PDB file of N, CA and C in Angstrom:
ATOM      1  N   MET A   1       0.853  -1.167   0.000  1.00  0.00           N
ATOM      2  CA  MET A   1       0.000   0.000   0.000  1.00  0.00           C
ATOM      3  C   MET A   1       0.897   1.227   0.000  1.00  0.00           C
ATOM      4  N   ARG A   2       0.411   2.241  -0.646  1.00  0.00           N
ATOM      5  CA  ARG A   2       1.137   3.501  -0.714  1.00  0.00           C
ATOM      6  C   ARG A   2       0.207   4.598  -0.248  1.00  0.00           C
ATOM      7  N   ALA A   3       0.738   5.516   0.567  1.00  0.00           N
ATOM      8  CA  ALA A   3      -0.083   6.607   1.082  1.00  0.00           C
ATOM      9  C   ALA A   3       0.665   7.925   0.972  1.00  0.00           C
ATOM     10  N   VAL A   4      -0.084   8.979   0.726  1.00  0.00           N
ATOM     11  CA  VAL A   4       0.427  10.342   0.767  1.00  0.00           C
ATOM     12  C   VAL A   4      -0.434  11.083   1.772  1.00  0.00           C
ATOM     13  N   ALA A   5       0.197  11.538   2.865  1.00  0.00           N
ATOM     14  CA  ALA A   5      -0.531  12.214   3.937  1.00  0.00           C
ATOM     15  C   ALA A   5      -0.207  13.696   3.923  1.00  0.00           C
ATOM     16  N   GLN A   6      -1.236  14.506   4.090  1.00  0.00           N
ATOM     17  CA  GLN A   6      -1.093  15.967   4.108  1.00  0.00           C
ATOM     18  C   GLN A   6      -1.790  16.510   5.338  1.00  0.00           C
ATOM     19  N   ARG A   7      -1.085  17.303   6.139  1.00  0.00           N
ATOM     20  CA  ARG A   7      -1.744  17.990   7.252  1.00  0.00           C
ATOM     21  C   ARG A   7      -2.662  19.050   6.662  1.00  0.00           C
ATOM     22  N   VAL A   8      -3.859  19.164   7.219  1.00  0.00           N
ATOM     23  CA  VAL A   8      -4.832  20.122   6.694  1.00  0.00           C
ATOM     24  C   VAL A   8      -5.548  20.827   7.840  1.00  0.00           C
ATOM     25  N   THR A   9      -6.031  22.025   7.548  1.00  0.00           N
ATOM     26  CA  THR A   9      -6.899  22.710   8.507  1.00  0.00           C
ATOM     27  C   THR A   9      -8.339  22.290   8.277  1.00  0.00           C
ATOM     28  N   ARG A  10      -8.623  21.883   7.040  1.00  0.00           N
ATOM     29  CA  ARG A  10      -9.910  21.300   6.687  1.00  0.00           C
ATOM     30  C   ARG A  10      -9.743  20.612   5.343  1.00  0.00           C
ATOM     31  N   ALA A  11     -10.588  19.617   5.086  1.00  0.00           N
ATOM     32  CA  ALA A  11     -10.557  18.915   3.802  1.00  0.00           C
ATOM     33  C   ALA A  11     -11.957  18.403   3.500  1.00  0.00           C
ATOM     34  N   GLU A  12     -12.235  18.280   2.211  1.00  0.00           N
ATOM     35  CA  GLU A  12     -13.557  17.850   1.773  1.00  0.00           C
ATOM     36  C   GLU A  12     -13.419  17.096   0.460  1.00  0.00           C
ATOM     37  N   VAL A  13     -14.202  16.044   0.309  1.00  0.00           N
ATOM     38  CA  VAL A  13     -14.268  15.309  -0.952  1.00  0.00           C
ATOM     39  C   VAL A  13     -15.673  15.500  -1.512  1.00  0.00           C
ATOM     40  N   VAL A  14     -15.729  15.982  -2.754  1.00  0.00           N
ATOM     41  CA  VAL A  14     -17.004  16.230  -3.416  1.00  0.00           C
ATOM     42  C   VAL A  14     -17.067  15.356  -4.667  1.00  0.00           C
ATOM     43  N   VAL A  15     -18.149  14.594  -4.795  1.00  0.00           N
ATOM     44  CA  VAL A  15     -18.361  13.733  -5.961  1.00  0.00           C
ATOM     45  C   VAL A  15     -19.680  14.144  -6.594  1.00  0.00           C
ATOM     46  N   GLU A  16     -19.598  14.529  -7.862  1.00  0.00           N
ATOM     47  CA  GLU A  16     -20.781  14.959  -8.612  1.00  0.00           C
ATOM     48  C   GLU A  16     -21.585  16.009  -7.848  1.00  0.00           C
ATOM     49  N   GLY A  17     -20.850  16.980  -7.266  1.00  0.00           N
ATOM     50  CA  GLY A  17     -21.491  18.088  -6.579  1.00  0.00           C
ATOM     51  C   GLY A  17     -21.973  17.786  -5.168  1.00  0.00           C
ATOM     52  N   LYS A  18     -21.768  16.566  -4.702  1.00  0.00           N
ATOM     53  CA  LYS A  18     -22.242  16.164  -3.377  1.00  0.00           C
ATOM     54  C   LYS A  18     -21.048  15.854  -2.465  1.00  0.00           C
ATOM     55  N   THR A  19     -21.026  16.445  -1.279  1.00  0.00           N
ATOM     56  CA  THR A  19     -19.960  16.186  -0.313  1.00  0.00           C
ATOM     57  C   THR A  19     -20.117  14.773   0.246  1.00  0.00           C
ATOM     58  N   VAL A  20     -19.060  13.966   0.075  1.00  0.00           N
ATOM     59  CA  VAL A  20     -19.098  12.586   0.563  1.00  0.00           C
ATOM     60  C   VAL A  20     -18.201  12.387   1.778  1.00  0.00           C
ATOM     61  N   GLY A  21     -17.411  13.386   2.117  1.00  0.00           N
ATOM     62  CA  GLY A  21     -16.555  13.326   3.295  1.00  0.00           C
ATOM     63  C   GLY A  21     -15.946  14.669   3.572  1.00  0.00           C
ATOM     64  N   GLN A  22     -15.815  15.010   4.846  1.00  0.00           N
ATOM     65  CA  GLN A  22     -15.155  16.252   5.213  1.00  0.00           C
ATOM     66  C   GLN A  22     -14.651  16.180   6.639  1.00  0.00           C
ATOM     67  N   ILE A  23     -13.572  16.913   6.907  1.00  0.00           N
ATOM     68  CA  ILE A  23     -13.004  16.990   8.246  1.00  0.00           C
ATOM     69  C   ILE A  23     -12.557  18.419   8.514  1.00  0.00           C
ATOM     70  N   GLY A  24     -12.336  18.694   9.777  1.00  0.00           N
ATOM     71  CA  GLY A  24     -11.683  19.933  10.188  1.00  0.00           C
ATOM     72  C   GLY A  24     -10.185  19.661  10.206  1.00  0.00           C
ATOM     73  N   PRO A  25      -9.480  20.135  11.235  1.00  0.00           N
ATOM     74  CA  PRO A  25      -8.033  19.899  11.293  1.00  0.00           C
ATOM     75  C   PRO A  25      -7.703  18.409  11.344  1.00  0.00           C
ATOM     76  N   GLY A  26      -6.624  18.032  10.674  1.00  0.00           N
ATOM     77  CA  GLY A  26      -6.205  16.639  10.702  1.00  0.00           C
ATOM     78  C   GLY A  26      -5.367  16.265   9.516  1.00  0.00           C
ATOM     79  N   LEU A  27      -5.599  15.057   9.007  1.00  0.00           N
ATOM     80  CA  LEU A  27      -4.850  14.518   7.876  1.00  0.00           C
ATOM     81  C   LEU A  27      -5.781  14.180   6.723  1.00  0.00           C
ATOM     82  N   CYS A  28      -5.387  14.572   5.540  1.00  0.00           N
ATOM     83  CA  CYS A  28      -6.021  14.094   4.315  1.00  0.00           C
ATOM     84  C   CYS A  28      -5.030  13.098   3.724  1.00  0.00           C
ATOM     85  N   VAL A  29      -5.478  11.864   3.538  1.00  0.00           N
ATOM     86  CA  VAL A  29      -4.573  10.793   3.124  1.00  0.00           C
ATOM     87  C   VAL A  29      -5.101  10.131   1.859  1.00  0.00           C
ATOM     88  N   PHE A  30      -4.268  10.136   0.818  1.00  0.00           N
ATOM     89  CA  PHE A  30      -4.574   9.410  -0.408  1.00  0.00           C
ATOM     90  C   PHE A  30      -3.925   8.039  -0.288  1.00  0.00           C
ATOM     91  N   ILE A  31      -4.699   6.983  -0.569  1.00  0.00           N
ATOM     92  CA  ILE A  31      -4.215   5.619  -0.386  1.00  0.00           C
ATOM     93  C   ILE A  31      -4.359   4.829  -1.679  1.00  0.00           C
ATOM     94  N   GLY A  32      -3.251   4.223  -2.096  1.00  0.00           N
ATOM     95  CA  GLY A  32      -3.253   3.327  -3.246  1.00  0.00           C
ATOM     96  C   GLY A  32      -2.986   1.910  -2.778  1.00  0.00           C
ATOM     97  N   VAL A  33      -3.782   0.969  -3.242  1.00  0.00           N
ATOM     98  CA  VAL A  33      -3.628  -0.438  -2.862  1.00  0.00           C
ATOM     99  C   VAL A  33      -2.916  -1.165  -3.997  1.00  0.00           C
ATOM    100  N   GLU A  34      -1.816  -1.813  -3.641  1.00  0.00           N
ATOM    101  CA  GLU A  34      -1.003  -2.516  -4.626  1.00  0.00           C
ATOM    102  C   GLU A  34      -1.383  -3.986  -4.699  1.00  0.00           C
ATOM    103  N   ALA A  35      -1.278  -4.559  -5.884  1.00  0.00           N
ATOM    104  CA  ALA A  35      -1.540  -5.990  -6.055  1.00  0.00           C
ATOM    105  C   ALA A  35      -0.681  -6.767  -5.070  1.00  0.00           C
ATOM    106  N   GLY A  36      -1.304  -7.697  -4.367  1.00  0.00           N
ATOM    107  CA  GLY A  36      -0.593  -8.498  -3.387  1.00  0.00           C
ATOM    108  C   GLY A  36      -0.706  -7.991  -1.963  1.00  0.00           C
ATOM    109  N   ASP A  37      -1.226  -6.782  -1.781  1.00  0.00           N
ATOM    110  CA  ASP A  37      -1.433  -6.271  -0.422  1.00  0.00           C
ATOM    111  C   ASP A  37      -2.498  -7.099   0.278  1.00  0.00           C
ATOM    112  N   GLY A  38      -2.421  -7.150   1.599  1.00  0.00           N
ATOM    113  CA  GLY A  38      -3.391  -7.916   2.373  1.00  0.00           C
ATOM    114  C   GLY A  38      -3.937  -7.106   3.531  1.00  0.00           C
ATOM    115  N   GLU A  39      -4.771  -7.753   4.329  1.00  0.00           N
ATOM    116  CA  GLU A  39      -5.401  -7.079   5.464  1.00  0.00           C
ATOM    117  C   GLU A  39      -4.376  -6.596   6.474  1.00  0.00           C
ATOM    118  N   LYS A  40      -3.310  -7.351   6.678  1.00  0.00           N
ATOM    119  CA  LYS A  40      -2.258  -6.918   7.605  1.00  0.00           C
ATOM    120  C   LYS A  40      -1.644  -5.600   7.145  1.00  0.00           C
ATOM    121  N   ASP A  41      -1.473  -5.439   5.831  1.00  0.00           N
ATOM    122  CA  ASP A  41      -0.919  -4.199   5.291  1.00  0.00           C
ATOM    123  C   ASP A  41      -1.861  -3.028   5.568  1.00  0.00           C
ATOM    124  N   ALA A  42      -3.157  -3.270   5.410  1.00  0.00           N
ATOM    125  CA  ALA A  42      -4.151  -2.215   5.624  1.00  0.00           C
ATOM    126  C   ALA A  42      -4.192  -1.783   7.085  1.00  0.00           C
ATOM    127  N   VAL A  43      -4.148  -2.749   7.998  1.00  0.00           N
ATOM    128  CA  VAL A  43      -4.160  -2.444   9.433  1.00  0.00           C
ATOM    129  C   VAL A  43      -2.875  -1.718   9.813  1.00  0.00           C
ATOM    130  N   TYR A  44      -1.744  -2.202   9.315  1.00  0.00           N
ATOM    131  CA  TYR A  44      -0.458  -1.557   9.596  1.00  0.00           C
ATOM    132  C   TYR A  44      -0.475  -0.095   9.151  1.00  0.00           C
ATOM    133  N   LEU A  45      -0.951   0.151   7.934  1.00  0.00           N
ATOM    134  CA  LEU A  45      -0.977   1.514   7.407  1.00  0.00           C
ATOM    135  C   LEU A  45      -1.872   2.414   8.256  1.00  0.00           C
ATOM    136  N   ALA A  46      -3.042   1.923   8.626  1.00  0.00           N
ATOM    137  CA  ALA A  46      -3.956   2.722   9.448  1.00  0.00           C
ATOM    138  C   ALA A  46      -3.314   3.069  10.787  1.00  0.00           C
ATOM    139  N   GLU A  47      -2.666   2.086  11.407  1.00  0.00           N
ATOM    140  CA  GLU A  47      -2.019   2.333  12.695  1.00  0.00           C
ATOM    141  C   GLU A  47      -0.843   3.289  12.549  1.00  0.00           C
ATOM    142  N   LYS A  48      -0.088   3.141  11.486  1.00  0.00           N
ATOM    143  CA  LYS A  48       1.053   4.031  11.246  1.00  0.00           C
ATOM    144  C   LYS A  48       0.580   5.469  11.053  1.00  0.00           C
ATOM    145  N   LEU A  49      -0.454   5.658  10.257  1.00  0.00           N
ATOM    146  CA  LEU A  49      -0.975   7.002  10.017  1.00  0.00           C
ATOM    147  C   LEU A  49      -1.498   7.634  11.308  1.00  0.00           C
ATOM    148  N   ALA A  50      -2.173   6.840  12.129  1.00  0.00           N
ATOM    149  CA  ALA A  50      -2.737   7.360  13.374  1.00  0.00           C
ATOM    150  C   ALA A  50      -1.655   7.800  14.350  1.00  0.00           C
ATOM    151  N   ARG A  51      -0.492   7.171  14.286  1.00  0.00           N
ATOM    152  CA  ARG A  51       0.570   7.460  15.240  1.00  0.00           C
ATOM    153  C   ARG A  51       1.719   8.278  14.658  1.00  0.00           C
ATOM    154  N   LEU A  52       1.614   8.636  13.400  1.00  0.00           N
ATOM    155  CA  LEU A  52       2.655   9.412  12.733  1.00  0.00           C
ATOM    156  C   LEU A  52       2.787  10.780  13.395  1.00  0.00           C
ATOM    157  N   ARG A  53       3.957  11.073  13.936  1.00  0.00           N
ATOM    158  CA  ARG A  53       4.156  12.313  14.693  1.00  0.00           C
ATOM    159  C   ARG A  53       4.541  13.446  13.742  1.00  0.00           C
ATOM    160  N   ILE A  54       3.523  14.115  13.217  1.00  0.00           N
ATOM    161  CA  ILE A  54       3.767  15.185  12.245  1.00  0.00           C
ATOM    162  C   ILE A  54       3.065  16.490  12.615  1.00  0.00           C
ATOM    163  N   PHE A  55       2.556  16.565  13.845  1.00  0.00           N
ATOM    164  CA  PHE A  55       1.950  17.803  14.328  1.00  0.00           C
ATOM    165  C   PHE A  55       2.836  18.384  15.425  1.00  0.00           C
ATOM    166  N   ALA A  56       2.874  19.713  15.489  1.00  0.00           N
ATOM    167  CA  ALA A  56       3.749  20.405  16.441  1.00  0.00           C
ATOM    168  C   ALA A  56       3.238  20.281  17.871  1.00  0.00           C
ATOM    169  N   ASP A  57       4.201  20.118  18.796  1.00  0.00           N
ATOM    170  CA  ASP A  57       3.867  20.147  20.219  1.00  0.00           C
ATOM    171  C   ASP A  57       3.983  21.595  20.704  1.00  0.00           C
ATOM    172  N   ALA A  58       3.937  21.805  22.012  1.00  0.00           N
ATOM    173  CA  ALA A  58       3.984  23.155  22.583  1.00  0.00           C
ATOM    174  C   ALA A  58       5.294  23.871  22.276  1.00  0.00           C
ATOM    175  N   GLU A  59       6.344  23.113  22.004  1.00  0.00           N
ATOM    176  CA  GLU A  59       7.646  23.704  21.690  1.00  0.00           C
ATOM    177  C   GLU A  59       7.864  23.879  20.190  1.00  0.00           C
ATOM    178  N   GLY A  60       6.860  23.552  19.405  1.00  0.00           N
ATOM    179  CA  GLY A  60       6.971  23.703  17.959  1.00  0.00           C
ATOM    180  C   GLY A  60       7.641  22.540  17.252  1.00  0.00           C
ATOM    181  N   LYS A  61       7.945  21.475  17.984  1.00  0.00           N
ATOM    182  CA  LYS A  61       8.566  20.297  17.365  1.00  0.00           C
ATOM    183  C   LYS A  61       7.479  19.353  16.879  1.00  0.00           C
ATOM    184  N   MET A  62       7.731  18.728  15.735  1.00  0.00           N
ATOM    185  CA  MET A  62       6.771  17.763  15.194  1.00  0.00           C
ATOM    186  C   MET A  62       6.857  16.497  16.033  1.00  0.00           C
ATOM    187  N   ASN A  63       6.026  16.466  17.076  1.00  0.00           N
ATOM    188  CA  ASN A  63       6.123  15.413  18.058  1.00  0.00           C
ATOM    189  C   ASN A  63       4.764  14.849  18.460  1.00  0.00           C
ATOM    190  N   ARG A  64       3.699  15.261  17.755  1.00  0.00           N
ATOM    191  CA  ARG A  64       2.355  14.814  18.128  1.00  0.00           C
ATOM    192  C   ARG A  64       1.667  14.178  16.928  1.00  0.00           C
ATOM    193  N   SER A  65       0.836  13.192  17.221  1.00  0.00           N
ATOM    194  CA  SER A  65       0.109  12.472  16.165  1.00  0.00           C
ATOM    195  C   SER A  65      -1.297  13.044  16.021  1.00  0.00           C
ATOM    196  N   VAL A  66      -2.002  12.583  15.009  1.00  0.00           N
ATOM    197  CA  VAL A  66      -3.396  12.985  14.820  1.00  0.00           C
ATOM    198  C   VAL A  66      -4.223  12.536  16.024  1.00  0.00           C
ATOM    199  N   LEU A  67      -3.880  11.399  16.612  1.00  0.00           N
ATOM    200  CA  LEU A  67      -4.563  10.932  17.819  1.00  0.00           C
ATOM    201  C   LEU A  67      -4.276  11.848  19.001  1.00  0.00           C
ATOM    202  N   ASP A  68      -2.996  12.209  19.180  1.00  0.00           N
ATOM    203  CA  ASP A  68      -2.616  13.094  20.277  1.00  0.00           C
ATOM    204  C   ASP A  68      -3.357  14.428  20.204  1.00  0.00           C
ATOM    205  N   MET A  69      -3.556  14.902  18.990  1.00  0.00           N
ATOM    206  CA  MET A  69      -4.183  16.202  18.776  1.00  0.00           C
ATOM    207  C   MET A  69      -5.707  16.129  18.844  1.00  0.00           C
ATOM    208  N   GLY A  70      -6.266  14.931  18.762  1.00  0.00           N
ATOM    209  CA  GLY A  70      -7.721  14.788  18.728  1.00  0.00           C
ATOM    210  C   GLY A  70      -8.305  15.218  17.391  1.00  0.00           C
ATOM    211  N   HIS A  71      -7.480  15.166  16.342  1.00  0.00           N
ATOM    212  CA  HIS A  71      -7.918  15.541  15.003  1.00  0.00           C
ATOM    213  C   HIS A  71      -8.526  14.345  14.278  1.00  0.00           C
ATOM    214  N   SER A  72      -8.946  14.583  13.054  1.00  0.00           N
ATOM    215  CA  SER A  72      -9.557  13.544  12.221  1.00  0.00           C
ATOM    216  C   SER A  72      -8.654  13.219  11.040  1.00  0.00           C
ATOM    217  N   ALA A  73      -8.997  12.145  10.346  1.00  0.00           N
ATOM    218  CA  ALA A  73      -8.321  11.777   9.105  1.00  0.00           C
ATOM    219  C   ALA A  73      -9.379  11.509   8.047  1.00  0.00           C
ATOM    220  N   LEU A  74      -9.143  12.047   6.869  1.00  0.00           N
ATOM    221  CA  LEU A  74     -10.006  11.811   5.716  1.00  0.00           C
ATOM    222  C   LEU A  74      -9.204  10.955   4.752  1.00  0.00           C
ATOM    223  N   LEU A  75      -9.644   9.713   4.537  1.00  0.00           N
ATOM    224  CA  LEU A  75      -8.942   8.790   3.652  1.00  0.00           C
ATOM    225  C   LEU A  75      -9.619   8.779   2.294  1.00  0.00           C
ATOM    226  N   VAL A  76      -8.793   8.845   1.245  1.00  0.00           N
ATOM    227  CA  VAL A  76      -9.300   8.898  -0.125  1.00  0.00           C
ATOM    228  C   VAL A  76      -8.607   7.804  -0.932  1.00  0.00           C
ATOM    229  N   SER A  77      -9.390   6.912  -1.514  1.00  0.00           N
ATOM    230  CA  SER A  77      -8.835   5.862  -2.357  1.00  0.00           C
ATOM    231  C   SER A  77      -8.291   6.482  -3.643  1.00  0.00           C
ATOM    232  N   GLN A  78      -7.046   6.127  -4.009  1.00  0.00           N
ATOM    233  CA  GLN A  78      -6.411   6.778  -5.159  1.00  0.00           C
ATOM    234  C   GLN A  78      -5.466   5.800  -5.843  1.00  0.00           C
ATOM    235  N   PHE A  79      -5.999   5.021  -6.789  1.00  0.00           N
ATOM    236  CA  PHE A  79      -5.180   4.004  -7.458  1.00  0.00           C
ATOM    237  C   PHE A  79      -4.040   4.613  -8.260  1.00  0.00           C
ATOM    238  N   THR A  80      -4.143   5.878  -8.648  1.00  0.00           N
ATOM    239  CA  THR A  80      -3.098   6.488  -9.475  1.00  0.00           C
ATOM    240  C   THR A  80      -1.770   6.627  -8.738  1.00  0.00           C
ATOM    241  N   LEU A  81      -1.749   6.443  -7.422  1.00  0.00           N
ATOM    242  CA  LEU A  81      -0.488   6.452  -6.683  1.00  0.00           C
ATOM    243  C   LEU A  81       0.412   5.300  -7.111  1.00  0.00           C
ATOM    244  N   LEU A  82      -0.170   4.282  -7.729  1.00  0.00           N
ATOM    245  CA  LEU A  82       0.592   3.122  -8.174  1.00  0.00           C
ATOM    246  C   LEU A  82       0.988   3.234  -9.643  1.00  0.00           C
ATOM    247  N   GLY A  83       0.750   4.376 -10.260  1.00  0.00           N
ATOM    248  CA  GLY A  83       1.102   4.561 -11.667  1.00  0.00           C
ATOM    249  C   GLY A  83       2.611   4.524 -11.871  1.00  0.00           C
ATOM    250  N   ASP A  84       3.034   3.966 -12.987  1.00  0.00           N
ATOM    251  CA  ASP A  84       4.453   3.867 -13.323  1.00  0.00           C
ATOM    252  C   ASP A  84       4.653   4.434 -14.729  1.00  0.00           C
ATOM    253  N   ALA A  85       5.381   5.553 -14.809  1.00  0.00           N
ATOM    254  CA  ALA A  85       5.621   6.187 -16.105  1.00  0.00           C
ATOM    255  C   ALA A  85       7.093   6.126 -16.494  1.00  0.00           C
ATOM    256  N   ARG A  86       7.851   5.246 -15.852  1.00  0.00           N
ATOM    257  CA  ARG A  86       9.267   5.118 -16.207  1.00  0.00           C
ATOM    258  C   ARG A  86       9.404   4.625 -17.644  1.00  0.00           C
ATOM    259  N   GLY A  87      10.154   5.360 -18.427  1.00  0.00           N
ATOM    260  CA  GLY A  87      10.438   4.952 -19.795  1.00  0.00           C
ATOM    261  C   GLY A  87       9.280   5.146 -20.757  1.00  0.00           C
ATOM    262  N   GLN A  88       8.259   5.855 -20.347  1.00  0.00           N
ATOM    263  CA  GLN A  88       7.096   6.082 -21.213  1.00  0.00           C
ATOM    264  C   GLN A  88       6.385   7.353 -20.776  1.00  0.00           C
ATOM    265  N   ASN A  89       5.495   7.814 -21.596  1.00  0.00           N
ATOM    266  CA  ASN A  89       4.732   9.018 -21.269  1.00  0.00           C
ATOM    267  C   ASN A  89       3.322   8.710 -20.768  1.00  0.00           C
ATOM    268  N   ARG A  90       2.878   7.492 -20.959  1.00  0.00           N
ATOM    269  CA  ARG A  90       1.563   7.078 -20.476  1.00  0.00           C
ATOM    270  C   ARG A  90       1.786   6.121 -19.311  1.00  0.00           C
ATOM    271  N   PRO A  91       1.328   6.504 -18.111  1.00  0.00           N
ATOM    272  CA  PRO A  91       1.567   5.622 -16.962  1.00  0.00           C
ATOM    273  C   PRO A  91       0.800   4.313 -17.072  1.00  0.00           C
ATOM    274  N   GLY A  92       1.410   3.270 -16.562  1.00  0.00           N
ATOM    275  CA  GLY A  92       0.757   1.978 -16.472  1.00  0.00           C
ATOM    276  C   GLY A  92       0.320   1.747 -15.032  1.00  0.00           C
ATOM    277  N   PHE A  93      -0.744   1.015 -14.867  1.00  0.00           N
ATOM    278  CA  PHE A  93      -1.280   0.776 -13.525  1.00  0.00           C
ATOM    279  C   PHE A  93      -1.341  -0.705 -13.186  1.00  0.00           C
ATOM    280  N   THR A  94      -0.409  -1.474 -13.739  1.00  0.00           N
ATOM    281  CA  THR A  94      -0.420  -2.914 -13.513  1.00  0.00           C
ATOM    282  C   THR A  94      -0.117  -3.271 -12.061  1.00  0.00           C
ATOM    283  N   ARG A  95       0.513  -2.366 -11.306  1.00  0.00           N
ATOM    284  CA  ARG A  95       0.821  -2.634  -9.898  1.00  0.00           C
ATOM    285  C   ARG A  95      -0.396  -2.400  -9.004  1.00  0.00           C
ATOM    286  N   ALA A  96      -1.409  -1.708  -9.512  1.00  0.00           N
ATOM    287  CA  ALA A  96      -2.598  -1.432  -8.700  1.00  0.00           C
ATOM    288  C   ALA A  96      -3.444  -2.694  -8.565  1.00  0.00           C
ATOM    289  N   GLU A  97      -4.043  -2.849  -7.397  1.00  0.00           N
ATOM    290  CA  GLU A  97      -4.924  -3.980  -7.127  1.00  0.00           C
ATOM    291  C   GLU A  97      -6.223  -3.814  -7.913  1.00  0.00           C
ATOM    292  N   SER A  98      -6.946  -4.902  -8.139  1.00  0.00           N
ATOM    293  CA  SER A  98      -8.245  -4.820  -8.806  1.00  0.00           C
ATOM    294  C   SER A  98      -9.169  -3.929  -7.973  1.00  0.00           C
ATOM    295  N   PRO A  99     -10.095  -3.219  -8.609  1.00  0.00           N
ATOM    296  CA  PRO A  99     -10.977  -2.317  -7.867  1.00  0.00           C
ATOM    297  C   PRO A  99     -11.735  -3.004  -6.734  1.00  0.00           C
ATOM    298  N   GLU A 100     -12.198  -4.218  -6.942  1.00  0.00           N
ATOM    299  CA  GLU A 100     -12.974  -4.915  -5.924  1.00  0.00           C
ATOM    300  C   GLU A 100     -12.115  -5.209  -4.688  1.00  0.00           C
ATOM    301  N   ARG A 101     -10.947  -5.791  -4.910  1.00  0.00           N
ATOM    302  CA  ARG A 101     -10.054  -6.130  -3.789  1.00  0.00           C
ATOM    303  C   ARG A 101      -9.501  -4.858  -3.141  1.00  0.00           C
ATOM    304  N   ALA A 102      -9.170  -3.863  -3.939  1.00  0.00           N
ATOM    305  CA  ALA A 102      -8.679  -2.595  -3.391  1.00  0.00           C
ATOM    306  C   ALA A 102      -9.727  -1.978  -2.473  1.00  0.00           C
ATOM    307  N   ASN A 103     -10.978  -2.037  -2.864  1.00  0.00           N
ATOM    308  CA  ASN A 103     -12.053  -1.480  -2.039  1.00  0.00           C
ATOM    309  C   ASN A 103     -12.160  -2.235  -0.715  1.00  0.00           C
ATOM    310  N   GLU A 104     -12.013  -3.562  -0.764  1.00  0.00           N
ATOM    311  CA  GLU A 104     -12.056  -4.354   0.465  1.00  0.00           C
ATOM    312  C   GLU A 104     -10.948  -3.923   1.430  1.00  0.00           C
ATOM    313  N   LEU A 105      -9.730  -3.785   0.909  1.00  0.00           N
ATOM    314  CA  LEU A 105      -8.595  -3.426   1.763  1.00  0.00           C
ATOM    315  C   LEU A 105      -8.676  -1.970   2.215  1.00  0.00           C
ATOM    316  N   PHE A 106      -9.178  -1.104   1.367  1.00  0.00           N
ATOM    317  CA  PHE A 106      -9.377   0.287   1.745  1.00  0.00           C
ATOM    318  C   PHE A 106     -10.368   0.359   2.914  1.00  0.00           C
ATOM    319  N   THR A 107     -11.413  -0.448   2.854  1.00  0.00           N
ATOM    320  CA  THR A 107     -12.403  -0.492   3.932  1.00  0.00           C
ATOM    321  C   THR A 107     -11.792  -0.994   5.228  1.00  0.00           C
ATOM    322  N   VAL A 108     -10.915  -1.997   5.135  1.00  0.00           N
ATOM    323  CA  VAL A 108     -10.206  -2.492   6.327  1.00  0.00           C
ATOM    324  C   VAL A 108      -9.389  -1.346   6.940  1.00  0.00           C
ATOM    325  N   CYS A 109      -8.717  -0.591   6.100  1.00  0.00           N
ATOM    326  CA  CYS A 109      -7.915   0.539   6.559  1.00  0.00           C
ATOM    327  C   CYS A 109      -8.818   1.572   7.251  1.00  0.00           C
ATOM    328  N   LEU A 110      -9.964   1.860   6.673  1.00  0.00           N
ATOM    329  CA  LEU A 110     -10.902   2.815   7.253  1.00  0.00           C
ATOM    330  C   LEU A 110     -11.380   2.369   8.636  1.00  0.00           C
ATOM    331  N   GLU A 111     -11.615   1.096   8.781  1.00  0.00           N
ATOM    332  CA  GLU A 111     -12.190   0.572  10.017  1.00  0.00           C
ATOM    333  C   GLU A 111     -11.145   0.278  11.094  1.00  0.00           C
ATOM    334  N   SER A 112      -9.868   0.359  10.737  1.00  0.00           N
ATOM    335  CA  SER A 112      -8.797   0.048  11.721  1.00  0.00           C
ATOM    336  C   SER A 112      -8.418   1.256  12.540  1.00  0.00           C
TER     337      SER A 112
END
């Protein structure tokens, strides 16, 4: 699994004009599921993201997690994180998991 995490003051996902997810302060995380990933990978990633110390403490050091801060995380499924454009101009997505299995593992990550 591959993830890109961004600290945000707020984030929102809109699909066809309808808000399907939103948070205040916290993390917006794009997640790509790679072929061969399993439930252990999804749980590991969720736990890692929850404990990732990327928020400032009282001294201004990045020493606090989203859990420590009481913030939220907005997870967004994004298969394009697995795109490979080495040696070509059109990326290939052969490393991405099938949509059905990726959705299952993404859900495990959400629930962990």
